[in-house]
Amino acid sequence: MSGGSVGPALVTFVRAPVAEETWRALGYTLVTLFMAVPAFLLALLALVAGALSLVLLVGLPMLVLVLAAARFAVRYFRWPARALLGRSWPGPDRLSGRGPVGRARAVLTDGPAWRALAYCFLRLPLAAATAYLGVVALLIGLVSFTCPLWSLVVPLDAGPIELTNWWESWQVATGGAIVLLVFPWVVRLPTLLDRFLIDTLLAPGPAARRIARLESSRVALTADAATTLRRLERDLHDGTQARLVSLGMALSRIERRVDRLPDDIDGIVELRGLVRAARGGVADGLSELRDIVRGIHPPALDDGMETALTTLGARSGLPVAVRVTLAEPPSDAAATTLYFAAAELLTNTVRHSGATRVRLHLTDDDGTLRLVVTDDGRGGAQPRGGGAASGDGNGDGARGGAADGTGIGDGDRDGAGTGLAGLAQRAEALDGQLAVVSPPGGPTTVTMTLPLTARARK
C-alpha cells in the first residue's frame, strides 16, 4: 500500500467514532431492534402455522394470513433504512390471484413473502447482537477514555474501574481509546450484513430489477408513441384533411363551371370526366384519411370512456347495458385500446353471435383495468393461433389464439389488427391479456385486462 493511500485511510479510521455514518448505523440498529420484535414473533407464528398445516387444515389459513402480513415487512423495514441509511427499494408486486382461493394460492406461492418472512426471522438476532456489542463497546470506551478525568474527583477505589494510582488511569484511557476506535466497526459491519440481507430477501433481485426497468421503459415508449400519434392525428385533421376539403370544394366549383360550358367545345366531355374523377378521388382520399384519423384516436374518447362506450352500444343495433366504474381516466394508450376492443367485440357480436342482449362493463378494481363484454348468443367460439386466451367457462383460460367460432370472438382471420389476435396484440403491448370463455350454447364472455401501470403518469 502506498504512502499516499495510507494517510486518507488512517484519517477515516480515526474519525470513524464521530462520523455521521457510525451514528446512523447505531440509530438504525436500535430502531430496528424494537421493530424486529413483532417481526420475529410473526416468523415464529409462521413456523407454528406451517406445523399445524401438516396435521390440521386450520393451520393453512393461518399461514396465508402470516405470509400476507410478511409482505408488509418489505415496507415496514423500508422507512428506517431510507431515513437512516439512505437505502430504499420498491414494494412487492400486487398479487394476481382472483377470489379467496386464487389469492390464497398466490400468497402461498409468493417468493417475496417467504423471503420477507426469512428476513423477519433473521433481523432480531442480528439487531440484538449488534445493539448489545455496540452499546457495550461505546460505554466501555467512553468510561475508560475519560478515566483520567473522573479519577480526579472520584476516589480511586470507588469508581467504575478500580485503580491503585492516578497513572493507571492513563493506561485505562489508552485502552478506552482503542475500544472507541473499534466501536464504529462493531455497528457498521453488521449493517453491511443487513444490507446484504435486504438486497437478498427484501429488495427485488437483479432479474426483477431488470424486468422493472424494461417495463418502465416500455410504458414510457408506449406513452410516447401515443403522444406522437395524437400529434399526427391533429396534424392530419387540422392540416392535410382541411386542405383536401378545400381541394374538393375547388373541384366541385370547377365541375359546375365545366358543366355550364357548351357541349360543342372540343374535349369538353373528356374534361368533365377528368374533373369528376378528380373530385371523386379527393372524396375517397378524404374518407380514407378520416378512417385513419379515427383509427389513431377516436374522437368519441374526447368526451370520456363512459360516453364513448355508451355511443358504441347505441350504434350497435342491439340492447347493450354499459357500466363504467373508473376512479380516474385511463391513459390515452389504454383508452384507445379499450375502445377499439369494445368496438370490435360489439361488431362481431352483431354479425355472428345471434345474441339478443350484450353487457359491457369497464372497471379498474384490484389494480387492473378490466373490460368485460358478454353476450347471450350461441357461444362455441374456439380460439386458434396465438395471442388471445381461451377457456371453457370455468376459468380465465390459458393463452390460445384468435377466435374461429360463432360468438363475440369471431373476427377477421386475415387482418393482424382485427379479431381476437389483433385485440390480444393490443393488450399485450400494454402488458395486458385477452381471455375468452365461450361454452357451446353460450354465453360468450371476452375479458381484456390492462395493468394500472398503463395509466397516464402526471
Protein backbone atom coordinates (compact mmCIF):
# COMPACT_ATOMS: atom_id res chain seq x y z
CA MET A 1 0.00 0.00 0.00
CA SER A 2 1.48 3.34 -0.98
CA GLY A 3 2.01 6.13 1.50
CA GLY A 4 -0.46 8.31 -0.35
CA SER A 5 -3.27 5.85 0.34
CA VAL A 6 -2.32 5.18 3.98
CA GLY A 7 -2.93 8.79 5.03
CA PRO A 8 -6.62 9.07 3.99
CA ALA A 9 -7.35 5.57 5.29
CA LEU A 10 -5.82 6.43 8.68
CA VAL A 11 -7.80 9.67 8.86
CA THR A 12 -11.01 7.77 8.06
CA PHE A 13 -10.23 5.20 10.76
CA VAL A 14 -9.51 7.84 13.40
CA ARG A 15 -12.57 9.93 12.54
CA ALA A 16 -14.91 6.92 12.42
CA PRO A 17 -16.15 7.30 16.06
CA VAL A 18 -17.54 10.77 15.30
CA ALA A 19 -18.56 10.09 11.68
CA GLU A 20 -22.23 10.54 10.82
CA GLU A 21 -22.36 7.10 9.22
CA THR A 22 -21.43 5.45 12.53
CA TRP A 23 -24.22 7.09 14.49
CA ARG A 24 -26.73 6.49 11.73
CA ALA A 25 -25.80 2.80 11.80
CA LEU A 26 -26.20 2.71 15.61
CA GLY A 27 -29.54 4.52 15.40
CA TYR A 28 -30.71 2.14 12.69
CA THR A 29 -29.70 -0.84 14.82
CA LEU A 30 -31.56 0.42 17.90
CA VAL A 31 -34.70 1.39 15.96
CA THR A 32 -34.90 -1.87 14.06
CA LEU A 33 -34.21 -3.82 17.27
CA PHE A 34 -37.61 -2.76 18.61
CA MET A 35 -39.22 -3.14 15.19
CA ALA A 36 -37.78 -6.63 14.81
CA VAL A 37 -39.56 -7.99 17.89
CA PRO A 38 -43.07 -8.20 16.34
CA ALA A 39 -41.50 -9.29 13.05
CA PHE A 40 -39.71 -12.15 14.83
CA LEU A 41 -42.95 -13.16 16.54
CA LEU A 42 -44.58 -13.20 13.12
CA ALA A 43 -41.87 -15.55 11.85
CA LEU A 44 -42.40 -17.84 14.85
CA LEU A 45 -46.13 -17.79 14.17
CA ALA A 46 -45.38 -18.87 10.62
CA LEU A 47 -43.45 -21.87 11.95
CA VAL A 48 -46.39 -22.80 14.17
CA ALA A 49 -48.87 -22.33 11.33
CA GLY A 50 -46.70 -24.38 8.99
CA ALA A 51 -46.51 -27.20 11.53
CA LEU A 52 -50.27 -27.09 12.11
CA SER A 53 -50.97 -27.12 8.38
CA LEU A 54 -49.25 -30.51 8.17
CA VAL A 55 -51.78 -32.11 10.51
CA LEU A 56 -54.72 -29.68 10.68
CA LEU A 57 -56.36 -27.69 7.90
CA VAL A 58 -56.77 -24.75 10.28
CA GLY A 59 -53.04 -24.10 10.01
CA LEU A 60 -53.22 -23.33 6.30
CA PRO A 61 -55.43 -20.21 6.57
CA MET A 62 -53.24 -19.03 9.44
CA LEU A 63 -50.14 -19.48 7.27
CA VAL A 64 -51.78 -17.49 4.46
CA LEU A 65 -52.50 -14.62 6.86
CA VAL A 66 -48.96 -14.71 8.24
CA LEU A 67 -47.43 -14.63 4.76
CA ALA A 68 -49.72 -11.77 3.75
CA ALA A 69 -48.53 -9.86 6.82
CA ALA A 70 -44.91 -10.73 6.00
CA ARG A 71 -45.31 -8.98 2.63
CA PHE A 72 -45.90 -5.81 4.65
CA ALA A 73 -42.43 -6.22 6.18
CA VAL A 74 -40.97 -5.02 2.90
CA ARG A 75 -42.46 -1.59 3.60
CA TYR A 76 -42.23 -1.95 7.42
CA PHE A 77 -38.42 -2.03 7.40
CA ARG A 78 -38.05 0.33 4.47
CA TRP A 79 -38.66 3.62 6.28
CA PRO A 80 -35.80 3.31 8.86
CA ALA A 81 -33.45 2.10 6.12
CA ARG A 82 -34.41 5.05 3.94
CA ALA A 83 -34.24 7.60 6.77
CA LEU A 84 -31.01 6.42 8.42
CA LEU A 85 -29.09 4.51 5.75
CA GLY A 86 -30.34 6.18 2.59
CA ARG A 87 -31.38 2.74 1.32
CA SER A 88 -34.73 2.13 -0.33
CA TRP A 89 -36.39 -0.48 -2.51
CA PRO A 90 -39.78 -0.93 -4.20
CA GLY A 91 -42.63 -2.73 -2.54
CA PRO A 92 -43.79 -6.19 -3.65
CA ASP A 93 -45.88 -6.55 -6.78
CA ARG A 94 -49.63 -6.84 -6.45
CA LEU A 95 -50.80 -10.45 -6.21
CA SER A 96 -52.51 -11.70 -9.35
CA GLY A 97 -54.96 -14.21 -7.84
CA ARG A 98 -58.70 -13.63 -8.08
CA GLY A 99 -61.16 -14.74 -5.44
CA PRO A 100 -60.33 -16.11 -1.97
CA VAL A 101 -58.85 -19.37 -3.26
CA GLY A 102 -56.86 -17.67 -6.01
CA ARG A 103 -55.47 -15.08 -3.60
CA ALA A 104 -54.57 -17.73 -1.03
CA ARG A 105 -52.75 -19.73 -3.69
CA ALA A 106 -50.95 -16.58 -4.85
CA VAL A 107 -49.82 -15.80 -1.28
CA LEU A 108 -48.61 -19.34 -0.61
CA THR A 109 -46.56 -19.36 -3.82
CA ASP A 110 -45.28 -15.79 -3.49
CA GLY A 111 -41.49 -15.82 -3.28
CA PRO A 112 -41.15 -12.27 -1.88
CA ALA A 113 -43.48 -13.18 1.01
CA TRP A 114 -41.35 -16.16 2.03
CA ARG A 115 -38.13 -14.16 1.69
CA ALA A 116 -39.63 -11.35 3.78
CA LEU A 117 -40.55 -13.93 6.42
CA ALA A 118 -36.95 -15.15 6.45
CA TYR A 119 -35.76 -11.57 6.97
CA CYS A 120 -38.21 -11.17 9.87
CA PHE A 121 -36.67 -14.27 11.46
CA LEU A 122 -33.06 -13.14 11.00
CA ARG A 123 -33.35 -9.45 11.79
CA LEU A 124 -33.94 -9.73 15.57
CA PRO A 125 -30.84 -11.86 16.37
CA LEU A 126 -28.67 -9.65 14.17
CA ALA A 127 -30.05 -6.41 15.63
CA ALA A 128 -29.86 -7.70 19.22
CA ALA A 129 -26.24 -8.83 18.86
CA THR A 130 -25.22 -5.61 17.12
CA ALA A 131 -27.01 -3.40 19.65
CA TYR A 132 -25.52 -5.27 22.60
CA LEU A 133 -21.96 -5.23 21.31
CA GLY A 134 -22.24 -1.66 20.04
CA VAL A 135 -23.70 -0.18 23.23
CA VAL A 136 -21.31 -2.15 25.46
CA ALA A 137 -18.31 -1.09 23.37
CA LEU A 138 -19.45 2.53 23.41
CA LEU A 139 -20.00 2.62 27.18
CA ILE A 140 -16.75 0.82 28.00
CA GLY A 141 -14.83 3.03 25.61
CA LEU A 142 -16.30 6.28 26.98
CA VAL A 143 -15.84 5.31 30.63
CA SER A 144 -12.28 4.10 30.05
CA PHE A 145 -11.26 7.03 27.84
CA THR A 146 -12.48 9.56 30.41
CA CYS A 147 -10.89 7.69 33.32
CA PRO A 148 -8.18 10.35 33.98
CA LEU A 149 -10.90 12.99 34.37
CA TRP A 150 -13.32 11.26 36.70
CA SER A 151 -10.48 9.71 38.73
CA LEU A 152 -9.59 13.26 39.84
CA VAL A 153 -12.91 13.68 41.65
CA VAL A 154 -13.79 10.08 42.48
CA PRO A 155 -11.74 8.00 44.91
CA LEU A 156 -9.52 5.55 43.06
CA ASP A 157 -11.13 2.54 44.73
CA ALA A 158 -14.72 3.85 44.40
CA GLY A 159 -15.03 4.45 40.64
CA PRO A 160 -16.40 2.11 37.98
CA ILE A 161 -12.81 0.91 37.41
CA GLU A 162 -10.73 0.11 40.49
CA LEU A 163 -7.34 1.88 40.37
CA THR A 164 -4.33 1.84 42.67
CA ASN A 165 -2.83 5.12 41.45
CA TRP A 166 -3.69 8.00 39.16
CA TRP A 167 -1.16 6.96 36.48
CA GLU A 168 -3.07 3.74 35.90
CA SER A 169 -5.97 5.85 34.66
CA TRP A 170 -3.90 6.78 31.61
CA GLN A 171 -3.37 3.14 30.80
CA VAL A 172 -7.13 2.61 31.05
CA ALA A 173 -7.71 5.68 28.85
CA THR A 174 -5.42 4.22 26.20
CA GLY A 175 -7.45 1.02 26.20
CA GLY A 176 -10.64 3.09 26.03
CA ALA A 177 -9.34 4.96 23.00
CA ILE A 178 -8.68 1.64 21.27
CA VAL A 179 -12.20 0.44 22.11
CA LEU A 180 -13.69 3.70 20.78
CA LEU A 181 -11.75 3.27 17.54
CA VAL A 182 -13.10 -0.28 17.20
CA PHE A 183 -16.67 0.68 18.19
CA PRO A 184 -17.70 2.15 14.77
CA TRP A 185 -16.89 -1.10 13.01
CA VAL A 186 -18.81 -3.09 15.60
CA VAL A 187 -22.00 -1.36 14.43
CA ARG A 188 -21.13 -0.63 10.80
CA LEU A 189 -20.00 -4.10 9.72
CA PRO A 190 -23.28 -5.77 10.83
CA THR A 191 -25.08 -3.01 8.97
CA LEU A 192 -23.29 -4.13 5.83
CA LEU A 193 -24.54 -7.65 6.54
CA ASP A 194 -28.04 -6.26 6.96
CA ARG A 195 -27.70 -4.51 3.60
CA PHE A 196 -26.82 -7.88 2.09
CA LEU A 197 -29.91 -9.46 3.68
CA ILE A 198 -32.06 -6.60 2.39
CA ASP A 199 -30.71 -7.00 -1.13
CA THR A 200 -31.19 -10.76 -0.95
CA LEU A 201 -34.52 -11.07 0.86
CA LEU A 202 -36.46 -7.79 0.65
CA ALA A 203 -35.33 -5.89 -2.42
CA PRO A 204 -36.05 -7.23 -5.90
CA GLY A 205 -33.25 -9.30 -7.39
CA PRO A 206 -31.23 -8.32 -10.48
CA ALA A 207 -33.67 -10.10 -12.79
CA ALA A 208 -36.67 -8.42 -11.16
CA ARG A 209 -34.98 -5.02 -11.32
CA ARG A 210 -34.17 -5.56 -14.98
CA ILE A 211 -37.78 -6.53 -15.68
CA ALA A 212 -38.98 -3.44 -13.80
CA ARG A 213 -36.65 -1.24 -15.86
CA LEU A 214 -37.84 -2.86 -19.07
CA GLU A 215 -41.49 -2.45 -18.05
CA SER A 216 -40.90 1.19 -17.16
CA SER A 217 -39.15 1.72 -20.47
CA ARG A 218 -41.98 0.00 -22.34
CA VAL A 219 -44.60 2.14 -20.60
CA ALA A 220 -42.63 5.28 -21.44
CA LEU A 221 -42.24 4.22 -25.07
CA THR A 222 -45.93 3.36 -25.32
CA ALA A 223 -46.92 6.72 -23.85
CA ASP A 224 -44.50 8.49 -26.18
CA ALA A 225 -45.92 6.60 -29.17
CA ALA A 226 -49.45 7.54 -28.12
CA THR A 227 -48.43 11.20 -27.82
CA THR A 228 -46.79 11.07 -31.25
CA LEU A 229 -49.90 9.50 -32.77
CA ARG A 230 -52.11 12.15 -31.17
CA ARG A 231 -49.86 14.85 -32.63
CA LEU A 232 -50.05 13.14 -36.03
CA GLU A 233 -53.82 12.92 -35.71
CA ARG A 234 -54.08 16.65 -35.01
CA ASP A 235 -51.76 17.48 -37.92
CA LEU A 236 -53.76 15.31 -40.30
CA HIS A 237 -57.06 16.70 -39.05
CA ASP A 238 -56.09 20.36 -38.99
CA GLY A 239 -53.70 20.35 -41.97
CA THR A 240 -53.99 17.63 -44.58
CA GLN A 241 -57.70 16.98 -44.09
CA ALA A 242 -58.54 20.68 -44.29
CA ARG A 243 -56.54 21.03 -47.50
CA LEU A 244 -58.27 18.04 -49.06
CA VAL A 245 -61.65 19.52 -48.15
CA SER A 246 -60.61 22.81 -49.73
CA LEU A 247 -59.38 20.98 -52.84
CA GLY A 248 -62.63 19.04 -53.08
CA MET A 249 -64.66 22.25 -52.85
CA ALA A 250 -62.50 23.85 -55.58
CA LEU A 251 -63.01 20.84 -57.84
CA SER A 252 -66.75 20.99 -57.20
CA ARG A 253 -66.79 24.61 -58.34
CA ILE A 254 -64.72 23.70 -61.41
CA GLU A 255 -67.12 20.85 -62.16
CA ARG A 256 -70.13 23.16 -62.00
CA ARG A 257 -68.40 25.68 -64.25
CA VAL A 258 -67.43 23.00 -66.75
CA ASP A 259 -70.97 21.59 -66.76
CA ARG A 260 -72.28 25.01 -67.85
CA LEU A 261 -69.97 25.14 -70.87
CA PRO A 262 -71.43 24.24 -74.30
CA ASP A 263 -71.12 20.62 -75.33
CA ASP A 264 -69.66 21.52 -78.73
CA ILE A 265 -66.36 22.67 -77.23
CA ASP A 266 -63.56 20.38 -78.28
CA GLY A 267 -62.65 17.94 -75.47
CA ILE A 268 -65.32 19.20 -73.05
CA VAL A 269 -66.72 15.73 -72.40
CA GLU A 270 -63.29 14.35 -71.55
CA LEU A 271 -62.59 17.36 -69.34
CA ARG A 272 -65.83 16.84 -67.44
CA GLY A 273 -64.89 13.21 -66.86
CA LEU A 274 -61.43 14.13 -65.61
CA VAL A 275 -62.79 16.76 -63.23
CA ARG A 276 -65.44 14.36 -61.94
CA ALA A 277 -62.84 11.63 -61.45
CA ALA A 278 -60.50 14.04 -59.65
CA ARG A 279 -63.29 15.17 -57.32
CA GLY A 280 -64.22 11.55 -56.64
CA GLY A 281 -60.59 10.69 -55.91
CA VAL A 282 -60.34 13.57 -53.46
CA ALA A 283 -63.56 12.43 -51.76
CA ASP A 284 -62.25 8.85 -51.48
CA GLY A 285 -58.90 10.07 -50.16
CA LEU A 286 -60.65 12.27 -47.61
CA SER A 287 -62.79 9.34 -46.47
CA GLU A 288 -59.71 7.13 -46.08
CA LEU A 289 -57.89 9.88 -44.22
CA ARG A 290 -60.80 10.24 -41.80
CA ASP A 291 -60.74 6.50 -41.20
CA ILE A 292 -57.01 6.73 -40.46
CA VAL A 293 -57.56 9.63 -38.06
CA ARG A 294 -60.33 7.75 -36.27
CA GLY A 295 -58.03 4.72 -36.06
CA ILE A 296 -55.31 6.76 -34.37
CA HIS A 297 -57.55 8.34 -31.76
CA PRO A 298 -61.34 8.02 -31.91
CA PRO A 299 -62.91 11.48 -31.43
CA ALA A 300 -65.54 9.89 -29.17
CA LEU A 301 -62.88 9.43 -26.48
CA ASP A 302 -62.59 13.19 -26.08
CA ASP A 303 -65.81 13.05 -24.02
CA GLY A 304 -64.61 10.23 -21.76
CA MET A 305 -64.79 6.44 -21.71
CA GLU A 306 -68.38 6.19 -20.49
CA THR A 307 -69.72 8.45 -23.24
CA ALA A 308 -67.62 6.70 -25.88
CA LEU A 309 -68.72 3.20 -24.86
CA THR A 310 -72.36 4.25 -24.50
CA THR A 311 -72.23 5.68 -28.02
CA LEU A 312 -70.76 2.41 -29.31
CA GLY A 313 -73.57 0.48 -27.67
CA ALA A 314 -76.26 2.76 -29.07
CA ARG A 315 -74.89 2.33 -32.60
CA SER A 316 -74.53 -1.45 -32.39
CA GLY A 317 -78.19 -2.25 -33.11
CA LEU A 318 -78.52 -4.46 -30.01
CA PRO A 319 -79.58 -3.63 -26.44
CA VAL A 320 -76.24 -3.01 -24.72
CA ALA A 321 -76.03 -2.48 -20.95
CA VAL A 322 -73.00 -0.26 -20.38
CA ARG A 323 -71.48 0.22 -16.93
CA VAL A 324 -68.25 2.18 -16.42
CA THR A 325 -66.67 2.43 -12.95
CA LEU A 326 -63.32 4.20 -13.05
CA ALA A 327 -61.60 6.06 -10.23
CA GLU A 328 -59.76 8.18 -12.80
CA PRO A 329 -59.47 8.29 -16.59
CA PRO A 330 -57.04 5.80 -18.15
CA SER A 331 -54.11 6.90 -20.26
CA ASP A 332 -54.60 7.67 -23.95
CA ALA A 333 -52.98 4.37 -24.92
CA ALA A 334 -55.17 2.33 -22.58
CA ALA A 335 -58.34 4.23 -23.51
CA THR A 336 -57.73 3.73 -27.23
CA THR A 337 -57.01 0.02 -26.75
CA LEU A 338 -60.16 -0.50 -24.67
CA TYR A 339 -62.30 1.48 -27.10
CA PHE A 340 -61.17 -0.49 -30.14
CA ALA A 341 -61.64 -3.76 -28.24
CA ALA A 342 -65.22 -2.81 -27.35
CA ALA A 343 -65.94 -1.71 -30.93
CA GLU A 344 -64.52 -4.92 -32.43
CA LEU A 345 -66.33 -7.18 -29.98
CA LEU A 346 -69.69 -5.43 -30.41
CA THR A 347 -69.36 -5.58 -34.20
CA ASN A 348 -68.62 -9.31 -34.17
CA THR A 349 -71.47 -9.94 -31.74
CA VAL A 350 -73.95 -8.30 -34.10
CA ARG A 351 -72.58 -10.13 -37.14
CA HIS A 352 -72.06 -13.65 -35.86
CA SER A 353 -73.41 -14.50 -32.42
CA GLY A 354 -77.19 -14.33 -32.80
CA ALA A 355 -77.30 -12.56 -29.45
CA THR A 356 -80.25 -10.50 -28.23
CA ARG A 357 -78.51 -8.72 -25.34
CA VAL A 358 -74.99 -7.57 -24.56
CA ARG A 359 -73.39 -6.42 -21.30
CA LEU A 360 -70.32 -4.17 -21.44
CA HIS A 361 -68.58 -3.40 -18.15
CA LEU A 362 -65.38 -1.40 -17.59
CA THR A 363 -63.85 -1.27 -14.11
CA ASP A 364 -60.47 -0.58 -12.52
CA ASP A 365 -60.67 -2.74 -9.40
CA ASP A 366 -57.86 -4.91 -7.99
CA GLY A 367 -55.22 -2.74 -9.62
CA THR A 368 -56.40 -3.70 -13.10
CA LEU A 369 -58.37 -2.05 -15.88
CA ARG A 370 -60.88 -4.71 -16.88
CA LEU A 371 -63.22 -4.61 -19.90
CA VAL A 372 -65.81 -7.42 -19.91
CA VAL A 373 -68.14 -7.94 -22.88
CA THR A 374 -70.78 -10.68 -22.50
CA ASP A 375 -73.44 -11.76 -25.00
CA ASP A 376 -76.25 -14.33 -24.79
CA GLY A 377 -75.52 -15.76 -28.23
CA ARG A 378 -74.73 -19.26 -29.45
CA GLY A 379 -71.25 -19.41 -27.96
CA GLY A 380 -68.79 -22.03 -29.09
CA ALA A 381 -66.04 -19.60 -30.05
CA GLN A 382 -62.85 -21.63 -30.35
CA PRO A 383 -59.61 -19.65 -30.14
CA ARG A 384 -56.85 -20.61 -32.53
CA GLY A 385 -53.33 -19.42 -33.33
CA GLY A 386 -51.55 -17.30 -30.73
CA GLY A 387 -52.40 -14.28 -28.71
CA ALA A 388 -55.80 -14.48 -27.07
CA ALA A 389 -56.70 -16.63 -24.13
CA SER A 390 -59.38 -19.28 -24.16
CA GLY A 391 -61.48 -21.01 -21.57
CA ASP A 392 -64.33 -23.43 -21.13
CA GLY A 393 -66.47 -21.40 -18.79
CA ASN A 394 -64.75 -22.49 -15.60
CA GLY A 395 -61.82 -20.15 -15.52
CA ASP A 396 -59.90 -17.44 -17.15
CA GLY A 397 -58.34 -19.75 -19.68
CA ALA A 398 -54.88 -20.29 -21.00
CA ARG A 399 -53.15 -18.50 -23.75
CA GLY A 400 -54.52 -19.53 -27.09
CA GLY A 401 -55.23 -17.62 -30.24
CA ALA A 402 -57.67 -15.72 -32.37
CA ALA A 403 -61.29 -16.72 -32.48
CA ASP A 404 -62.68 -19.09 -35.05
CA GLY A 405 -66.21 -19.62 -33.86
CA THR A 406 -69.63 -18.05 -33.74
CA GLY A 407 -69.59 -15.78 -30.72
CA ILE A 408 -68.02 -12.48 -29.87
CA GLY A 409 -64.64 -13.86 -30.73
CA ASP A 410 -65.34 -14.46 -34.42
CA GLY A 411 -63.17 -11.86 -36.07
CA ASP A 412 -61.38 -11.16 -39.28
CA ARG A 413 -58.93 -14.00 -39.88
CA ASP A 414 -56.69 -12.08 -42.22
CA GLY A 415 -56.04 -8.75 -40.51
CA ALA A 416 -53.43 -8.83 -37.78
CA GLY A 417 -55.02 -5.79 -36.19
CA THR A 418 -58.57 -7.16 -36.17
CA GLY A 419 -60.27 -10.11 -34.48
CA LEU A 420 -59.04 -11.57 -31.24
CA ALA A 421 -55.47 -11.87 -32.47
CA GLY A 422 -55.28 -8.13 -33.07
CA LEU A 423 -57.01 -7.34 -29.77
CA ALA A 424 -54.62 -9.66 -27.92
CA GLN A 425 -51.66 -7.93 -29.54
CA ARG A 426 -53.03 -4.53 -28.49
CA ALA A 427 -53.47 -5.79 -24.92
CA GLU A 428 -50.00 -7.35 -24.77
CA ALA A 429 -48.46 -4.09 -25.96
CA LEU A 430 -49.63 -2.65 -22.61
CA ASP A 431 -48.71 -5.79 -20.63
CA GLY A 432 -52.34 -6.88 -20.67
CA GLN A 433 -54.21 -10.02 -21.63
CA LEU A 434 -57.32 -11.12 -23.51
CA ALA A 435 -59.40 -14.03 -22.19
CA VAL A 436 -62.30 -15.83 -23.90
CA VAL A 437 -64.90 -18.04 -22.21
CA SER A 438 -67.42 -19.38 -24.76
CA PRO A 439 -69.02 -22.74 -23.99
CA PRO A 440 -71.35 -24.20 -26.66
CA GLY A 441 -74.79 -22.67 -26.26
CA GLY A 442 -73.35 -19.53 -24.71
CA PRO A 443 -72.95 -17.16 -23.12
CA THR A 444 -69.71 -15.81 -24.56
CA THR A 445 -67.54 -13.59 -22.36
CA VAL A 446 -64.43 -11.78 -23.53
CA THR A 447 -62.31 -10.02 -20.91
CA MET A 448 -59.48 -7.61 -21.65
CA THR A 449 -57.28 -6.69 -18.70
CA LEU A 450 -54.67 -3.96 -18.62
CA PRO A 451 -52.45 -3.13 -15.63
CA LEU A 452 -52.90 0.20 -13.89
CA THR A 453 -49.30 0.97 -14.87
CA ALA A 454 -50.79 1.74 -18.27
CA ARG A 455 -52.30 4.90 -16.73
CA ALA A 456 -51.00 8.27 -17.62
CA ARG A 457 -48.45 9.46 -15.06
CA LYS A 458 -48.89 13.09 -14.15
